[in-house]
Protein backbone atom coordinates (compact mmCIF):
# COMPACT_ATOMS: atom_id res chain seq x y z
CA UNK A 1 -17.16 10.50 10.00
CA UNK A 2 -18.78 9.17 6.73
CA UNK A 3 -19.76 13.41 6.05
CA UNK A 4 -16.56 14.53 6.70
CA UNK A 5 -15.09 12.32 4.42
CA UNK A 6 -17.50 12.92 1.54
CA UNK A 7 -16.70 16.89 2.04
CA UNK A 8 -13.36 16.10 1.30
CA UNK A 9 -13.73 14.07 -2.03
CA UNK A 10 -16.09 17.24 -2.64
CA UNK A 11 -12.87 19.43 -1.86
CA UNK A 12 -10.71 17.15 -4.44
CA UNK A 13 -13.17 17.16 -7.03
CA UNK A 14 -13.34 20.97 -6.73
CA UNK A 15 -9.49 20.93 -7.16
CA UNK A 16 -7.99 18.65 -8.94
CA UNK A 17 -6.11 20.66 -10.97
CA UNK A 18 -4.98 22.88 -8.40
CA UNK A 19 -1.93 21.45 -5.80
CA UNK A 20 -4.01 19.04 -3.57
CA UNK A 21 -1.99 18.34 -0.32
CA UNK A 22 -3.24 16.44 2.02
CA UNK A 23 -2.29 18.13 4.74
CA UNK A 24 -4.99 21.34 2.80
CA UNK A 25 -7.79 18.51 2.72
CA UNK A 26 -7.19 17.98 6.53
CA UNK A 27 -7.17 20.73 7.57
CA UNK A 28 -10.11 21.78 5.43
CA UNK A 29 -12.66 19.12 7.46
CA UNK A 30 -11.27 20.28 10.58
CA UNK A 31 -9.24 16.90 11.26
CA UNK A 32 -5.36 15.92 11.82
CA UNK A 33 -3.94 14.76 8.37
CA UNK A 34 -2.84 11.81 10.43
CA UNK A 35 -5.78 10.60 11.29
CA UNK A 36 -7.80 11.39 8.54
CA UNK A 37 -4.87 9.25 6.16
CA UNK A 38 -5.64 6.26 8.61
CA UNK A 39 -8.93 6.18 8.11
CA UNK A 40 -9.68 7.02 4.74
CA UNK A 41 -7.02 3.89 3.64
CA UNK A 42 -8.83 1.58 6.54
CA UNK A 43 -12.19 2.57 4.38
CA UNK A 44 -11.40 2.85 0.97
CA UNK A 45 -9.24 0.26 0.92
CA UNK A 46 -6.25 2.56 -0.61
CA UNK A 47 -4.16 5.57 0.00
CA UNK A 48 -5.34 9.51 0.28
CA UNK A 49 -2.47 10.00 -2.25
CA UNK A 50 -3.28 6.83 -5.11
CA UNK A 51 -7.26 8.11 -4.81
CA UNK A 52 -5.84 11.86 -5.82
CA UNK A 53 -3.66 10.53 -8.43
CA UNK A 54 -6.04 8.54 -9.77
CA UNK A 55 -8.53 10.89 -10.07
CA UNK A 56 -6.08 13.22 -11.53
CA UNK A 57 -5.47 10.91 -14.29
CA UNK A 58 -8.74 9.84 -14.82
CA UNK A 59 -9.82 12.91 -15.85
CA UNK A 60 -6.99 14.59 -17.64
CA UNK A 61 -7.52 11.15 -19.98
CA UNK A 62 -11.20 12.79 -20.62
CA UNK A 63 -9.37 16.03 -21.62
CA UNK A 64 -6.95 14.05 -23.68
CA UNK A 65 -10.11 12.72 -25.30
CA UNK A 66 -11.99 16.26 -25.85
CA UNK A 67 -8.23 17.20 -27.75
CA UNK A 68 -6.29 19.30 -25.25
CA UNK A 69 -2.47 18.24 -25.78
CA UNK A 70 -0.12 16.24 -23.90
CA UNK A 71 1.31 18.52 -22.39
CA UNK A 72 -1.04 21.52 -21.79
CA UNK A 73 -2.97 18.59 -20.03
CA UNK A 74 0.25 17.34 -18.10
CA UNK A 75 0.40 20.85 -16.61
CA UNK A 76 -3.30 21.31 -15.81
CA UNK A 77 -3.31 18.90 -13.81
CA UNK A 78 0.53 19.52 -11.64
CA UNK A 79 3.02 17.23 -13.37
CA UNK A 80 6.29 19.25 -13.61
CA UNK A 81 7.52 17.56 -16.77
CA UNK A 82 5.62 15.96 -20.01
CA UNK A 83 7.78 12.86 -19.09
CA UNK A 84 6.55 12.45 -15.74
CA UNK A 85 3.08 12.57 -16.91
CA UNK A 86 3.21 10.60 -19.49
CA UNK A 87 4.47 7.74 -17.25
CA UNK A 88 1.92 8.16 -15.26
CA UNK A 89 -0.36 8.02 -17.42
CA UNK A 90 1.15 4.53 -19.29
CA UNK A 91 1.52 2.89 -16.00
CA UNK A 92 -2.21 3.96 -14.85
CA UNK A 93 -3.72 2.99 -18.54
CA UNK A 94 -1.25 0.64 -20.20
CA UNK A 95 -0.77 3.37 -23.19
CA UNK A 96 0.95 6.77 -23.98
CA UNK A 97 -1.17 10.00 -23.26
CA UNK A 98 -0.17 10.91 -27.33
CA UNK A 99 -2.38 7.93 -28.02
CA UNK A 100 -6.12 8.58 -25.68
CA UNK A 101 -7.35 10.25 -28.46
CA UNK A 102 -7.29 7.55 -30.69
CA UNK A 103 -8.52 4.95 -28.74
CA UNK A 104 -12.02 3.39 -29.27
CA UNK A 105 -12.40 2.85 -24.95
CA UNK A 106 -11.27 5.28 -22.29
CA UNK A 107 -10.44 4.17 -18.77
CA UNK A 108 -11.86 6.12 -16.29
CA UNK A 109 -11.25 6.44 -12.36
CA UNK A 110 -15.12 7.84 -10.55
CA UNK A 111 -15.22 10.00 -7.90
CA UNK A 112 -16.12 7.78 -4.53
CA UNK A 113 -18.82 8.11 -2.16
CA UNK A 114 -18.94 7.17 1.02
CA UNK A 115 -22.37 5.97 3.05
CA UNK A 116 -22.76 3.81 6.60
CA UNK A 117 -22.97 0.50 5.99
CA UNK A 118 -23.91 -1.66 9.14
CA UNK A 119 -21.69 -4.28 10.05
CA UNK A 120 -22.92 -6.35 13.08
CA UNK A 121 -22.53 -9.39 14.80
CA UNK A 122 -18.79 -8.15 16.16
CA UNK A 123 -18.03 -7.23 19.20
CA UNK A 124 -15.93 -4.92 19.98
CA UNK A 125 -14.13 -4.23 23.68
CA UNK A 126 -11.80 -1.61 24.61
CA UNK A 127 -10.89 0.89 27.36
CA UNK A 128 -9.33 4.41 27.72
CA UNK A 129 -6.25 4.81 29.40
CA UNK A 130 -4.33 7.95 30.34
CA UNK A 131 -0.45 7.80 30.66
CA UNK A 132 2.19 9.71 31.89
CA UNK A 133 5.48 10.87 29.42
CA UNK A 134 7.20 7.21 28.89
CA UNK A 135 10.00 5.89 27.27
CA UNK A 136 9.68 2.53 25.37
CA UNK A 137 13.15 0.68 25.87
CA UNK A 138 14.41 -2.58 23.20
CA UNK A 139 15.88 -3.53 20.11
CA UNK A 140 14.84 -1.62 17.08
CA UNK A 141 14.88 -2.64 12.78
CA UNK A 142 13.41 -1.69 9.85
CA UNK A 143 11.35 -4.23 8.97
CA UNK A 144 9.20 -4.49 5.52
CA UNK A 145 5.57 -3.97 6.20
CA UNK A 146 3.14 -7.00 6.20
CA UNK A 147 -0.53 -6.77 7.06
CA UNK A 148 -1.62 -10.71 7.04
CA UNK A 149 1.25 -13.64 8.44
CA UNK A 150 3.92 -14.30 10.22
CA UNK A 151 6.82 -11.28 9.35
CA UNK A 152 9.70 -13.36 9.70
CA UNK A 153 11.92 -9.94 10.20
CA UNK A 154 10.23 -9.81 13.44
CA UNK A 155 10.65 -12.91 14.23
CA UNK A 156 14.67 -12.78 13.21
CA UNK A 157 14.42 -9.18 15.26
CA UNK A 158 13.79 -11.37 18.17
CA UNK A 159 16.12 -13.75 17.54
CA UNK A 160 19.02 -11.35 17.55
CA UNK A 161 18.28 -9.74 20.95
CA UNK A 162 21.02 -10.69 23.74
CA UNK A 163 20.82 -12.14 27.10
CA UNK A 164 22.04 -8.92 27.80
CA UNK A 165 19.80 -6.92 26.73
CA UNK A 166 17.06 -9.16 27.38
CA UNK A 167 18.16 -8.90 31.29
CA UNK A 168 18.78 -5.32 31.15
CA UNK A 169 15.26 -4.91 29.63
CA UNK A 170 13.25 -7.02 32.55
CA UNK A 171 15.46 -4.47 34.60
CA UNK A 172 13.92 -1.29 33.17
CA UNK A 173 9.94 -3.14 32.42
CA UNK A 174 8.61 -0.24 35.39
CA UNK A 175 5.05 0.45 33.32
CA UNK A 176 2.23 -1.11 32.74
CA UNK A 177 1.32 -3.25 30.53
CA UNK A 178 4.65 -5.34 32.08
CA UNK A 179 5.26 -7.34 28.92
CA UNK A 180 7.61 -7.58 25.85
CA UNK A 181 5.69 -5.33 23.57
CA UNK A 182 6.16 -5.30 19.92
CA UNK A 183 5.95 -1.59 19.18
CA UNK A 184 5.80 0.84 15.29
CA UNK A 185 7.03 3.78 14.47
CA UNK A 186 8.40 5.59 11.16
CA UNK A 187 6.38 3.31 8.29
CA UNK A 188 6.96 4.82 4.99
CA UNK A 189 3.77 6.58 3.65
CA UNK A 190 2.51 6.55 7.10
CA UNK A 191 1.29 2.82 6.54
CA UNK A 192 -0.84 3.64 3.93
CA UNK A 193 0.38 0.32 1.01
CA UNK A 194 2.22 -2.73 2.06
CA UNK A 195 5.12 -1.13 0.83
CA UNK A 196 8.59 0.22 1.83
CA UNK A 197 9.54 0.51 5.27
CA UNK A 198 8.72 1.34 9.09
CA UNK A 199 11.07 1.25 12.47
CA UNK A 200 10.49 -2.08 14.79
CA UNK A 201 10.70 -1.93 18.31
CA UNK A 202 10.67 -5.58 20.83
CA UNK A 203 11.05 -3.95 24.29
CA UNK A 204 9.30 -2.59 26.87
CA UNK A 205 8.05 0.52 29.01
CA UNK A 206 9.94 2.65 31.06
CA UNK A 207 9.50 5.96 33.34
CA UNK A 208 13.18 5.44 34.67
CA UNK A 209 16.28 8.39 33.64
CA UNK A 210 18.80 6.63 33.09
CA UNK A 211 19.33 4.09 30.56
CA UNK A 212 21.70 2.43 28.97
CA UNK A 213 21.20 3.82 25.03
CA UNK A 214 24.47 1.78 23.87
CA UNK A 215 23.08 -1.19 24.83
CA UNK A 216 19.31 -0.84 23.85
CA UNK A 217 17.47 2.06 21.41
CA UNK A 218 14.73 4.61 22.84
CA UNK A 219 12.21 6.39 22.06
CA UNK A 220 10.23 8.75 24.07
CA UNK A 221 6.63 9.43 24.33
CA UNK A 222 5.19 12.28 25.58
CA UNK A 223 1.94 12.08 27.87
CA UNK A 224 -1.18 10.94 26.11
CA UNK A 225 -4.45 8.87 26.40
CA UNK A 226 -4.33 5.41 24.64
CA UNK A 227 -7.41 3.32 23.79
CA UNK A 228 -6.52 -0.73 24.17
CA UNK A 229 -8.36 -3.08 22.90
CA UNK A 230 -8.02 -6.95 24.08
CA UNK A 231 -8.47 -9.71 21.58
CA UNK A 232 -8.05 -13.76 21.78
CA UNK A 233 -7.99 -16.14 18.79
CA UNK A 234 -5.67 -17.61 16.25
CA UNK A 235 -2.76 -15.91 16.18
CA UNK A 236 -1.71 -13.73 13.91
CA UNK A 237 -5.28 -13.44 12.44
CA UNK A 238 -7.37 -12.46 15.52
CA UNK A 239 -4.65 -10.08 16.02
CA UNK A 240 -4.63 -8.60 12.49
CA UNK A 241 -8.24 -9.02 12.01
CA UNK A 242 -8.88 -6.78 15.39
CA UNK A 243 -6.21 -3.80 14.01
CA UNK A 244 -8.08 -3.59 10.64
CA UNK A 245 -11.42 -3.24 12.49
CA UNK A 246 -10.16 -0.23 15.02
CA UNK A 247 -9.54 1.98 11.93
CA UNK A 248 -12.38 0.90 9.74
CA UNK A 249 -14.88 0.49 12.07
CA UNK A 250 -14.43 1.60 15.63
CA UNK A 251 -12.75 4.91 14.60
CA UNK A 252 -14.85 6.41 12.47
CA UNK A 253 -17.56 6.78 15.56
CA UNK A 254 -15.59 6.89 18.27
CA UNK A 255 -15.28 10.57 18.86
CA UNK A 256 -11.45 10.13 18.70
CA UNK A 257 -8.46 10.73 16.62
CA UNK A 258 -5.49 9.15 16.52
CA UNK A 259 -2.02 10.47 17.92
CA UNK A 260 0.59 10.49 15.27
CA UNK A 261 2.50 8.05 17.78
CA UNK A 262 3.84 4.54 17.85
CA UNK A 263 1.21 2.73 18.62
CA UNK A 264 2.13 -1.04 20.48
CA UNK A 265 0.94 -4.77 21.13
CA UNK A 266 1.88 -7.52 23.25
CA UNK A 267 0.73 -11.61 23.06
CA UNK A 268 0.73 -13.93 25.45
CA UNK A 269 0.48 -17.51 22.91
CA UNK A 270 -2.49 -19.88 25.00
CA UNK A 271 -1.07 -23.80 25.88
CA UNK A 272 -3.55 -24.55 22.56
CA UNK A 273 -1.41 -24.04 19.82
CA UNK A 274 -1.89 -21.13 17.33
CA UNK A 275 -3.84 -19.21 20.25
CA UNK A 276 -3.25 -16.33 21.70
CA UNK A 277 -4.33 -13.54 24.17
CA UNK A 278 -3.30 -10.06 23.02
CA UNK A 279 -3.61 -6.55 23.49
CA UNK A 280 -3.03 -3.43 20.77
CA UNK A 281 -2.42 -0.09 22.22
CA UNK A 282 -2.94 3.17 19.94
CA UNK A 283 -2.69 6.56 20.93
CA UNK A 284 -6.04 9.08 20.67
CA UNK A 285 -7.76 11.86 21.54
CA UNK A 286 -11.45 13.66 21.91
CA UNK A 287 -12.28 15.06 18.00
CA UNK A 288 -12.20 18.83 18.27
CA UNK A 289 -13.35 20.58 15.06
CA UNK A 290 -11.85 23.50 14.08
């Protein structure tokens, strides 16, 4: 996986003045764009789109310093207007591109290189399960993305569920894990940064055909393989740290890539205050190079 990421970085460098679609970059290295976005974000700490933007602006800054015109540079790096380029450049450097040639110092954003880092001392327990086609059923809403701490929007969603909805979910809950689940999907920018919104459902899994869709929301998922990660400790810190480790440490060497379907989790609070047992389920498939 590290080799794939570096291959992608080389491809980006060779095509900074061309149209760089994330889908084409992922295709070039032979993995799905969804998986590639997630892994790049987890390891680099930034969205792939942000990396490409900063590399283009950094290279553009050098060209401006060397005397190329603002108009020439703007269109060279794929901007559709000088105004759009000027806004992006000023947001990044703090000055207009027309001033770049006069500045004593130049802002740059060097090319990344990924290297293998050994991180020891933490065991990750997981299992692989296959499930047939299922339905997530529950109550859902759009919530702001939040990677740390308790998301109050989820608390408000839970408090909004009526007794009738809770009882009906209980009658539908016939697929393991037979727990009340937190299900996330349709995130802005593929979860790449802590901005925007995602759809969050509190619900259960069922294979029943007849469902009252006026009472509950339904999200249907085809048959998939799932990687399941149990974890126990301080809530929600332990679960959030486990989620981060899945993407940054487990996936790159696992032989699997992500499927573009909702992931889900459940939590059972322990009698000891603020600790809980949780499971995180993510849909995966074996990597097949193309």
